[in-house]
All heavy atoms as atom14 arrays in JSON, in Angstrom:
{
  "sequence": "KLGDSTRVVNQGWMTSAEHTAIIRSTAYNYFGLGLGITATG",
  "atom14_mask": [
    [1, 1, 1, 1, 1, 1, 1, 1, 1, 0, 0, 0, 0, 0],
    [1, 1, 1, 1, 1, 1, 1, 1, 0, 0, 0, 0, 0, 0],
    [1, 1, 1, 1, 0, 0, 0, 0, 0, 0, 0, 0, 0, 0],
    [1, 1, 1, 1, 1, 1, 1, 1, 0, 0, 0, 0, 0, 0],
    [1, 1, 1, 1, 1, 1, 0, 0, 0, 0, 0, 0, 0, 0],
    [1, 1, 1, 1, 1, 1, 1, 0, 0, 0, 0, 0, 0, 0],
    [1, 1, 1, 1, 1, 1, 1, 1, 1, 1, 1, 0, 0, 0],
    [1, 1, 1, 1, 1, 1, 1, 0, 0, 0, 0, 0, 0, 0],
    [1, 1, 1, 1, 1, 1, 1, 0, 0, 0, 0, 0, 0, 0],
    [1, 1, 1, 1, 1, 1, 1, 1, 0, 0, 0, 0, 0, 0],
    [1, 1, 1, 1, 1, 1, 1, 1, 1, 0, 0, 0, 0, 0],
    [1, 1, 1, 1, 0, 0, 0, 0, 0, 0, 0, 0, 0, 0],
    [1, 1, 1, 1, 1, 1, 1, 1, 1, 1, 1, 1, 1, 1],
    [1, 1, 1, 1, 1, 1, 1, 1, 0, 0, 0, 0, 0, 0],
    [1, 1, 1, 1, 1, 1, 1, 0, 0, 0, 0, 0, 0, 0],
    [1, 1, 1, 1, 1, 1, 0, 0, 0, 0, 0, 0, 0, 0],
    [1, 1, 1, 1, 1, 0, 0, 0, 0, 0, 0, 0, 0, 0],
    [1, 1, 1, 1, 1, 1, 1, 1, 1, 0, 0, 0, 0, 0],
    [1, 1, 1, 1, 1, 1, 1, 1, 1, 1, 0, 0, 0, 0],
    [1, 1, 1, 1, 1, 1, 1, 0, 0, 0, 0, 0, 0, 0],
    [1, 1, 1, 1, 1, 0, 0, 0, 0, 0, 0, 0, 0, 0],
    [1, 1, 1, 1, 1, 1, 1, 1, 0, 0, 0, 0, 0, 0],
    [1, 1, 1, 1, 1, 1, 1, 1, 0, 0, 0, 0, 0, 0],
    [1, 1, 1, 1, 1, 1, 1, 1, 1, 1, 1, 0, 0, 0],
    [1, 1, 1, 1, 1, 1, 0, 0, 0, 0, 0, 0, 0, 0],
    [1, 1, 1, 1, 1, 1, 1, 0, 0, 0, 0, 0, 0, 0],
    [1, 1, 1, 1, 1, 0, 0, 0, 0, 0, 0, 0, 0, 0],
    [1, 1, 1, 1, 1, 1, 1, 1, 1, 1, 1, 1, 0, 0],
    [1, 1, 1, 1, 1, 1, 1, 1, 0, 0, 0, 0, 0, 0],
    [1, 1, 1, 1, 1, 1, 1, 1, 1, 1, 1, 1, 0, 0],
    [1, 1, 1, 1, 1, 1, 1, 1, 1, 1, 1, 0, 0, 0],
    [1, 1, 1, 1, 0, 0, 0, 0, 0, 0, 0, 0, 0, 0],
    [1, 1, 1, 1, 1, 1, 1, 1, 0, 0, 0, 0, 0, 0],
    [1, 1, 1, 1, 0, 0, 0, 0, 0, 0, 0, 0, 0, 0],
    [1, 1, 1, 1, 1, 1, 1, 1, 0, 0, 0, 0, 0, 0],
    [1, 1, 1, 1, 0, 0, 0, 0, 0, 0, 0, 0, 0, 0],
    [1, 1, 1, 1, 1, 1, 1, 1, 0, 0, 0, 0, 0, 0],
    [1, 1, 1, 1, 1, 1, 1, 0, 0, 0, 0, 0, 0, 0],
    [1, 1, 1, 1, 1, 0, 0, 0, 0, 0, 0, 0, 0, 0],
    [1, 1, 1, 1, 1, 1, 1, 0, 0, 0, 0, 0, 0, 0],
    [1, 1, 1, 1, 0, 0, 0, 0, 0, 0, 0, 0, 0, 0]
  ],
  "atom14_positions": [
    [[-0.38, -45.28, -289.82], [0.71, -44.62, -289.08], [0.21, -43.26, -288.56], [-0.28, -42.47, -289.28], [1.93, -44.41, -289.98], [2.64, -45.71, -290.4], [3.89, -45.42, -291.19], [4.61, -46.72, -291.54], [5.83, -46.47, -292.31], [0.0, 0.0, 0.0], [0.0, 0.0, 0.0], [0.0, 0.0, 0.0], [0.0, 0.0, 0.0], [0.0, 0.0, 0.0]],
    [[0.43, -43.07, -287.23], [-0.1, -41.86, -286.62], [0.58, -40.62, -287.15], [-0.06, -39.53, -287.24], [0.09, -41.92, -285.1], [-0.9, -42.75, -284.32], [-0.56, -42.8, -282.83], [-2.31, -42.19, -284.51], [0.0, 0.0, 0.0], [0.0, 0.0, 0.0], [0.0, 0.0, 0.0], [0.0, 0.0, 0.0], [0.0, 0.0, 0.0], [0.0, 0.0, 0.0]],
    [[1.83, -40.72, -287.57], [2.5, -39.58, -288.18], [1.84, -39.17, -289.48], [1.67, -37.95, -289.73], [0.0, 0.0, 0.0], [0.0, 0.0, 0.0], [0.0, 0.0, 0.0], [0.0, 0.0, 0.0], [0.0, 0.0, 0.0], [0.0, 0.0, 0.0], [0.0, 0.0, 0.0], [0.0, 0.0, 0.0], [0.0, 0.0, 0.0], [0.0, 0.0, 0.0]],
    [[1.39, -40.12, -290.29], [0.68, -39.82, -291.5], [-0.7, -39.22, -291.19], [-1.15, -38.32, -291.84], [0.57, -41.07, -292.36], [1.85, -41.57, -292.92], [2.76, -40.75, -293.05], [1.97, -42.78, -293.18], [0.0, 0.0, 0.0], [0.0, 0.0, 0.0], [0.0, 0.0, 0.0], [0.0, 0.0, 0.0], [0.0, 0.0, 0.0], [0.0, 0.0, 0.0]],
    [[-1.36, -39.8, -290.19], [-2.73, -39.35, -289.82], [-2.64, -37.87, -289.36], [-3.49, -37.04, -289.72], [-3.28, -40.18, -288.68], [-4.49, -39.66, -288.25], [0.0, 0.0, 0.0], [0.0, 0.0, 0.0], [0.0, 0.0, 0.0], [0.0, 0.0, 0.0], [0.0, 0.0, 0.0], [0.0, 0.0, 0.0], [0.0, 0.0, 0.0], [0.0, 0.0, 0.0]],
    [[-1.6, -37.55, -288.57], [-1.39, -36.2, -288.1], [-1.21, -35.2, -289.26], [-1.85, -34.17, -289.32], [-0.22, -36.15, -287.14], [-0.39, -37.1, -286.1], [-0.03, -34.73, -286.57], [0.0, 0.0, 0.0], [0.0, 0.0, 0.0], [0.0, 0.0, 0.0], [0.0, 0.0, 0.0], [0.0, 0.0, 0.0], [0.0, 0.0, 0.0], [0.0, 0.0, 0.0]],
    [[-0.33, -35.58, -290.12], [0.03, -34.72, -291.28], [-1.17, -34.51, -292.17], [-1.48, -33.38, -292.61], [1.18, -35.31, -292.06], [1.54, -34.59, -293.36], [2.71, -35.33, -294.05], [2.5, -36.76, -294.17], [1.75, -37.28, -295.13], [1.1, -36.56, -296.04], [1.62, -38.61, -295.21], [0.0, 0.0, 0.0], [0.0, 0.0, 0.0], [0.0, 0.0, 0.0]],
    [[-1.93, -35.56, -292.45], [-3.05, -35.48, -293.37], [-4.19, -34.65, -292.78], [-4.81, -33.88, -293.49], [-3.53, -36.9, -293.73], [-4.88, -36.86, -294.48], [-2.51, -37.6, -294.64], [0.0, 0.0, 0.0], [0.0, 0.0, 0.0], [0.0, 0.0, 0.0], [0.0, 0.0, 0.0], [0.0, 0.0, 0.0], [0.0, 0.0, 0.0], [0.0, 0.0, 0.0]],
    [[-4.47, -34.81, -291.52], [-5.56, -34.02, -290.92], [-5.19, -32.57, -290.92], [-6.05, -31.69, -291.15], [-5.95, -34.5, -289.49], [-4.92, -34.07, -288.42], [-7.33, -34.02, -289.11], [0.0, 0.0, 0.0], [0.0, 0.0, 0.0], [0.0, 0.0, 0.0], [0.0, 0.0, 0.0], [0.0, 0.0, 0.0], [0.0, 0.0, 0.0], [0.0, 0.0, 0.0]],
    [[-3.95, -32.21, -290.68], [-3.5, -30.84, -290.71], [-3.61, -30.3, -292.12], [-4.08, -29.14, -292.35], [-2.1, -30.73, -290.21], [-1.59, -29.24, -290.21], [-2.08, -28.43, -289.41], [-0.67, -28.94, -291.07], [0.0, 0.0, 0.0], [0.0, 0.0, 0.0], [0.0, 0.0, 0.0], [0.0, 0.0, 0.0], [0.0, 0.0, 0.0], [0.0, 0.0, 0.0]],
    [[-3.23, -31.06, -293.12], [-3.37, -30.62, -294.47], [-4.8, -30.41, -294.85], [-5.13, -29.46, -295.59], [-2.71, -31.64, -295.45], [-1.17, -31.71, -295.38], [-0.57, -32.8, -296.24], [-1.29, -33.7, -296.67], [0.75, -32.68, -296.45], [0.0, 0.0, 0.0], [0.0, 0.0, 0.0], [0.0, 0.0, 0.0], [0.0, 0.0, 0.0], [0.0, 0.0, 0.0]],
    [[-5.66, -31.29, -294.39], [-7.08, -31.16, -294.69], [-7.67, -29.87, -294.14], [-8.41, -29.19, -294.79], [0.0, 0.0, 0.0], [0.0, 0.0, 0.0], [0.0, 0.0, 0.0], [0.0, 0.0, 0.0], [0.0, 0.0, 0.0], [0.0, 0.0, 0.0], [0.0, 0.0, 0.0], [0.0, 0.0, 0.0], [0.0, 0.0, 0.0], [0.0, 0.0, 0.0]],
    [[-7.28, -29.53, -292.87], [-7.75, -28.32, -292.3], [-7.26, -27.11, -293.03], [-7.97, -26.12, -293.29], [-7.34, -28.25, -290.82], [-8.13, -29.21, -289.95], [-9.33, -29.81, -290.25], [-7.77, -29.67, -288.63], [-9.68, -30.62, -289.21], [-8.79, -30.5, -288.2], [-6.7, -29.39, -287.8], [-8.77, -31.14, -286.95], [-6.66, -30.0, -286.55], [-7.67, -30.85, -286.11]],
    [[-5.98, -27.13, -293.46], [-5.36, -26.0, -294.09], [-5.76, -25.81, -295.55], [-5.43, -24.78, -296.21], [-3.85, -26.0, -293.92], [-3.37, -25.9, -292.48], [-4.12, -24.51, -291.57], [-3.42, -23.14, -292.52], [0.0, 0.0, 0.0], [0.0, 0.0, 0.0], [0.0, 0.0, 0.0], [0.0, 0.0, 0.0], [0.0, 0.0, 0.0], [0.0, 0.0, 0.0]],
    [[-6.41, -26.81, -296.13], [-6.93, -26.67, -297.5], [-8.42, -26.32, -297.52], [-9.03, -26.2, -298.52], [-6.69, -27.93, -298.32], [-7.28, -29.07, -297.65], [-5.23, -28.15, -298.56], [0.0, 0.0, 0.0], [0.0, 0.0, 0.0], [0.0, 0.0, 0.0], [0.0, 0.0, 0.0], [0.0, 0.0, 0.0], [0.0, 0.0, 0.0], [0.0, 0.0, 0.0]],
    [[-8.95, -26.11, -296.3], [-10.37, -25.77, -296.13], [-10.42, -24.32, -295.64], [-9.83, -23.99, -294.57], [-11.1, -26.68, -295.12], [-12.26, -26.06, -294.64], [0.0, 0.0, 0.0], [0.0, 0.0, 0.0], [0.0, 0.0, 0.0], [0.0, 0.0, 0.0], [0.0, 0.0, 0.0], [0.0, 0.0, 0.0], [0.0, 0.0, 0.0], [0.0, 0.0, 0.0]],
    [[-11.05, -23.43, -296.36], [-11.07, -22.02, -295.99], [-11.74, -21.84, -294.63], [-11.27, -21.02, -293.77], [-11.87, -21.23, -296.99], [0.0, 0.0, 0.0], [0.0, 0.0, 0.0], [0.0, 0.0, 0.0], [0.0, 0.0, 0.0], [0.0, 0.0, 0.0], [0.0, 0.0, 0.0], [0.0, 0.0, 0.0], [0.0, 0.0, 0.0], [0.0, 0.0, 0.0]],
    [[-12.73, -22.59, -294.32], [-13.46, -22.5, -293.04], [-12.56, -22.9, -291.88], [-12.48, -22.18, -290.85], [-14.72, -23.33, -293.05], [-15.5, -23.31, -291.78], [-16.74, -24.14, -291.83], [-16.95, -24.88, -292.83], [-17.52, -24.12, -290.82], [0.0, 0.0, 0.0], [0.0, 0.0, 0.0], [0.0, 0.0, 0.0], [0.0, 0.0, 0.0], [0.0, 0.0, 0.0]],
    [[-11.85, -24.0, -292.05], [-11.0, -24.5, -290.97], [-9.75, -23.56, -290.8], [-9.31, -23.29, -289.68], [-10.56, -25.91, -291.24], [-11.66, -26.92, -291.13], [-12.48, -27.2, -292.22], [-12.1, -27.69, -290.1], [-13.38, -28.11, -291.83], [-13.2, -28.41, -290.56], [0.0, 0.0, 0.0], [0.0, 0.0, 0.0], [0.0, 0.0, 0.0], [0.0, 0.0, 0.0]],
    [[-9.24, -23.16, -291.92], [-8.02, -22.29, -291.88], [-8.38, -20.99, -291.16], [-7.59, -20.4, -290.44], [-7.52, -21.99, -293.32], [-7.14, -23.21, -293.94], [-6.33, -21.05, -293.28], [0.0, 0.0, 0.0], [0.0, 0.0, 0.0], [0.0, 0.0, 0.0], [0.0, 0.0, 0.0], [0.0, 0.0, 0.0], [0.0, 0.0, 0.0], [0.0, 0.0, 0.0]],
    [[-9.57, -20.45, -291.41], [-10.04, -19.18, -290.78], [-10.05, -19.35, -289.22], [-9.7, -18.42, -288.48], [-11.4, -18.77, -291.27], [0.0, 0.0, 0.0], [0.0, 0.0, 0.0], [0.0, 0.0, 0.0], [0.0, 0.0, 0.0], [0.0, 0.0, 0.0], [0.0, 0.0, 0.0], [0.0, 0.0, 0.0], [0.0, 0.0, 0.0], [0.0, 0.0, 0.0]],
    [[-10.43, -20.54, -288.75], [-10.41, -20.77, -287.31], [-9.03, -20.92, -286.79], [-8.67, -20.25, -285.77], [-11.2, -22.08, -286.97], [-12.7, -21.86, -287.33], [-11.06, -22.42, -285.53], [-13.52, -23.13, -287.19], [0.0, 0.0, 0.0], [0.0, 0.0, 0.0], [0.0, 0.0, 0.0], [0.0, 0.0, 0.0], [0.0, 0.0, 0.0], [0.0, 0.0, 0.0]],
    [[-8.17, -21.66, -287.45], [-6.77, -21.88, -287.0], [-6.0, -20.58, -286.98], [-5.19, -20.31, -286.08], [-6.13, -22.97, -287.86], [-6.76, -24.35, -287.6], [-4.65, -23.0, -287.65], [-6.34, -25.41, -288.56], [0.0, 0.0, 0.0], [0.0, 0.0, 0.0], [0.0, 0.0, 0.0], [0.0, 0.0, 0.0], [0.0, 0.0, 0.0], [0.0, 0.0, 0.0]],
    [[-6.23, -19.74, -287.95], [-5.46, -18.51, -288.08], [-6.26, -17.25, -287.59], [-5.9, -16.11, -287.91], [-5.03, -18.29, -289.56], [-3.93, -19.26, -289.97], [-3.49, -19.04, -291.33], [-2.24, -19.81, -291.67], [-1.76, -20.0, -292.88], [-2.37, -19.52, -293.95], [-0.62, -20.71, -293.07], [0.0, 0.0, 0.0], [0.0, 0.0, 0.0], [0.0, 0.0, 0.0]],
    [[-7.29, -17.5, -286.83], [-8.02, -16.39, -286.27], [-7.2, -15.62, -285.25], [-6.44, -16.18, -284.47], [-9.33, -16.9, -285.64], [-9.97, -15.87, -284.96], [0.0, 0.0, 0.0], [0.0, 0.0, 0.0], [0.0, 0.0, 0.0], [0.0, 0.0, 0.0], [0.0, 0.0, 0.0], [0.0, 0.0, 0.0], [0.0, 0.0, 0.0], [0.0, 0.0, 0.0]],
    [[-7.41, -14.32, -285.21], [-6.76, -13.48, -284.17], [-7.62, -13.39, -282.95], [-7.24, -12.7, -281.98], [-6.49, -12.06, -284.75], [-7.74, -11.47, -285.16], [-5.56, -12.09, -285.95], [0.0, 0.0, 0.0], [0.0, 0.0, 0.0], [0.0, 0.0, 0.0], [0.0, 0.0, 0.0], [0.0, 0.0, 0.0], [0.0, 0.0, 0.0], [0.0, 0.0, 0.0]],
    [[-8.77, -14.06, -282.92], [-9.64, -13.95, -281.78], [-9.21, -14.83, -280.65], [-9.58, -14.54, -279.49], [-11.06, -14.32, -282.22], [0.0, 0.0, 0.0], [0.0, 0.0, 0.0], [0.0, 0.0, 0.0], [0.0, 0.0, 0.0], [0.0, 0.0, 0.0], [0.0, 0.0, 0.0], [0.0, 0.0, 0.0], [0.0, 0.0, 0.0], [0.0, 0.0, 0.0]],
    [[-8.53, -15.92, -280.89], [-8.28, -16.93, -279.87], [-6.94, -16.76, -279.16], [-5.97, -16.21, -279.77], [-8.36, -18.33, -280.49], [-9.69, -18.57, -281.19], [-9.73, -18.89, -282.55], [-10.89, -18.43, -280.49], [-10.91, -19.14, -283.18], [-12.13, -18.66, -281.11], [-12.12, -18.98, -282.49], [-13.33, -19.18, -283.11], [0.0, 0.0, 0.0], [0.0, 0.0, 0.0]],
    [[-6.81, -17.27, -277.97], [-5.56, -17.27, -277.22], [-5.16, -18.59, -276.63], [-4.01, -18.83, -276.3], [-5.55, -16.18, -276.14], [-6.76, -16.24, -275.22], [-7.57, -17.13, -275.3], [-6.93, -15.19, -274.37], [0.0, 0.0, 0.0], [0.0, 0.0, 0.0], [0.0, 0.0, 0.0], [0.0, 0.0, 0.0], [0.0, 0.0, 0.0], [0.0, 0.0, 0.0]],
    [[-6.15, -19.55, -276.52], [-5.86, -20.89, -276.02], [-6.45, -21.93, -276.97], [-7.45, -21.63, -277.69], [-6.48, -21.07, -274.62], [-5.79, -20.29, -273.57], [-6.33, -19.1, -273.08], [-4.6, -20.73, -272.96], [-5.69, -18.34, -272.07], [-3.99, -20.02, -271.96], [-4.52, -18.84, -271.51], [-3.91, -18.1, -270.52], [0.0, 0.0, 0.0], [0.0, 0.0, 0.0]],
    [[-5.88, -23.14, -276.9], [-6.46, -24.2, -277.66], [-6.16, -25.56, -276.99], [-5.28, -25.62, -276.11], [-6.05, -24.19, -279.16], [-4.61, -24.67, -279.45], [-4.38, -25.48, -280.51], [-3.53, -24.29, -278.7], [-3.11, -25.88, -280.88], [-2.24, -24.68, -278.99], [-2.02, -25.54, -280.09], [0.0, 0.0, 0.0], [0.0, 0.0, 0.0], [0.0, 0.0, 0.0]],
    [[-6.91, -26.59, -277.4], [-6.68, -27.95, -276.92], [-6.87, -28.93, -278.04], [-7.56, -28.61, -279.02], [0.0, 0.0, 0.0], [0.0, 0.0, 0.0], [0.0, 0.0, 0.0], [0.0, 0.0, 0.0], [0.0, 0.0, 0.0], [0.0, 0.0, 0.0], [0.0, 0.0, 0.0], [0.0, 0.0, 0.0], [0.0, 0.0, 0.0], [0.0, 0.0, 0.0]],
    [[-6.3, -30.1, -277.91], [-6.32, -31.07, -278.95], [-6.56, -32.5, -278.41], [-6.02, -32.8, -277.36], [-4.98, -31.04, -279.72], [-4.92, -31.69, -281.09], [-5.64, -30.82, -282.08], [-3.46, -31.89, -281.48], [0.0, 0.0, 0.0], [0.0, 0.0, 0.0], [0.0, 0.0, 0.0], [0.0, 0.0, 0.0], [0.0, 0.0, 0.0], [0.0, 0.0, 0.0]],
    [[-7.34, -33.27, -279.13], [-7.59, -34.64, -278.69], [-7.75, -35.6, -279.89], [-8.31, -35.24, -280.88], [0.0, 0.0, 0.0], [0.0, 0.0, 0.0], [0.0, 0.0, 0.0], [0.0, 0.0, 0.0], [0.0, 0.0, 0.0], [0.0, 0.0, 0.0], [0.0, 0.0, 0.0], [0.0, 0.0, 0.0], [0.0, 0.0, 0.0], [0.0, 0.0, 0.0]],
    [[-7.25, -36.79, -279.69], [-7.32, -37.81, -280.73], [-8.11, -39.05, -280.15], [-7.82, -39.5, -279.01], [-5.95, -38.32, -281.14], [-5.8, -39.59, -281.96], [-6.48, -39.43, -283.34], [-4.34, -39.96, -282.13], [0.0, 0.0, 0.0], [0.0, 0.0, 0.0], [0.0, 0.0, 0.0], [0.0, 0.0, 0.0], [0.0, 0.0, 0.0], [0.0, 0.0, 0.0]],
    [[-9.04, -39.55, -280.93], [-9.78, -40.78, -280.55], [-9.56, -41.81, -281.61], [-9.62, -41.51, -282.8], [0.0, 0.0, 0.0], [0.0, 0.0, 0.0], [0.0, 0.0, 0.0], [0.0, 0.0, 0.0], [0.0, 0.0, 0.0], [0.0, 0.0, 0.0], [0.0, 0.0, 0.0], [0.0, 0.0, 0.0], [0.0, 0.0, 0.0], [0.0, 0.0, 0.0]],
    [[-9.27, -43.06, -281.19], [-8.96, -44.11, -282.14], [-9.91, -45.29, -281.89], [-10.06, -45.78, -280.75], [-7.49, -44.59, -281.98], [-6.53, -43.4, -282.15], [-7.18, -45.71, -282.99], [-5.1, -43.79, -281.89], [0.0, 0.0, 0.0], [0.0, 0.0, 0.0], [0.0, 0.0, 0.0], [0.0, 0.0, 0.0], [0.0, 0.0, 0.0], [0.0, 0.0, 0.0]],
    [[-10.52, -45.79, -282.95], [-11.44, -46.93, -282.79], [-10.66, -48.24, -282.83], [-9.46, -48.25, -283.2], [-12.47, -46.94, -283.95], [-11.78, -47.23, -285.17], [-13.16, -45.61, -284.07], [0.0, 0.0, 0.0], [0.0, 0.0, 0.0], [0.0, 0.0, 0.0], [0.0, 0.0, 0.0], [0.0, 0.0, 0.0], [0.0, 0.0, 0.0], [0.0, 0.0, 0.0]],
    [[-11.33, -49.33, -282.51], [-10.69, -50.62, -282.51], [-10.2, -51.03, -283.93], [-9.28, -51.84, -284.09], [-11.61, -51.7, -282.0], [0.0, 0.0, 0.0], [0.0, 0.0, 0.0], [0.0, 0.0, 0.0], [0.0, 0.0, 0.0], [0.0, 0.0, 0.0], [0.0, 0.0, 0.0], [0.0, 0.0, 0.0], [0.0, 0.0, 0.0], [0.0, 0.0, 0.0]],
    [[-10.86, -50.47, -284.92], [-10.49, -50.77, -286.34], [-9.46, -49.79, -286.91], [-9.18, -49.89, -288.11], [-11.74, -50.83, -287.19], [-12.46, -49.58, -287.09], [-12.68, -51.99, -286.77], [0.0, 0.0, 0.0], [0.0, 0.0, 0.0], [0.0, 0.0, 0.0], [0.0, 0.0, 0.0], [0.0, 0.0, 0.0], [0.0, 0.0, 0.0], [0.0, 0.0, 0.0]],
    [[-9.04, -48.86, -286.15], [-8.0, -47.95, -286.58], [-8.46, -46.63, -287.15], [-7.6, -45.86, -287.68], [0.0, 0.0, 0.0], [0.0, 0.0, 0.0], [0.0, 0.0, 0.0], [0.0, 0.0, 0.0], [0.0, 0.0, 0.0], [0.0, 0.0, 0.0], [0.0, 0.0, 0.0], [0.0, 0.0, 0.0], [0.0, 0.0, 0.0], [0.0, 0.0, 0.0]]
  ]
}
């Protein structure tokens, strides 16, 4: 389920200090997002 995939990837980033530092950085002003899905899901 894409809803679960979305929630889990966000949780994964926010439980990683390195990823959280990027997401909560004061340096950035723009962002973009993309999802790629394989034939096997």
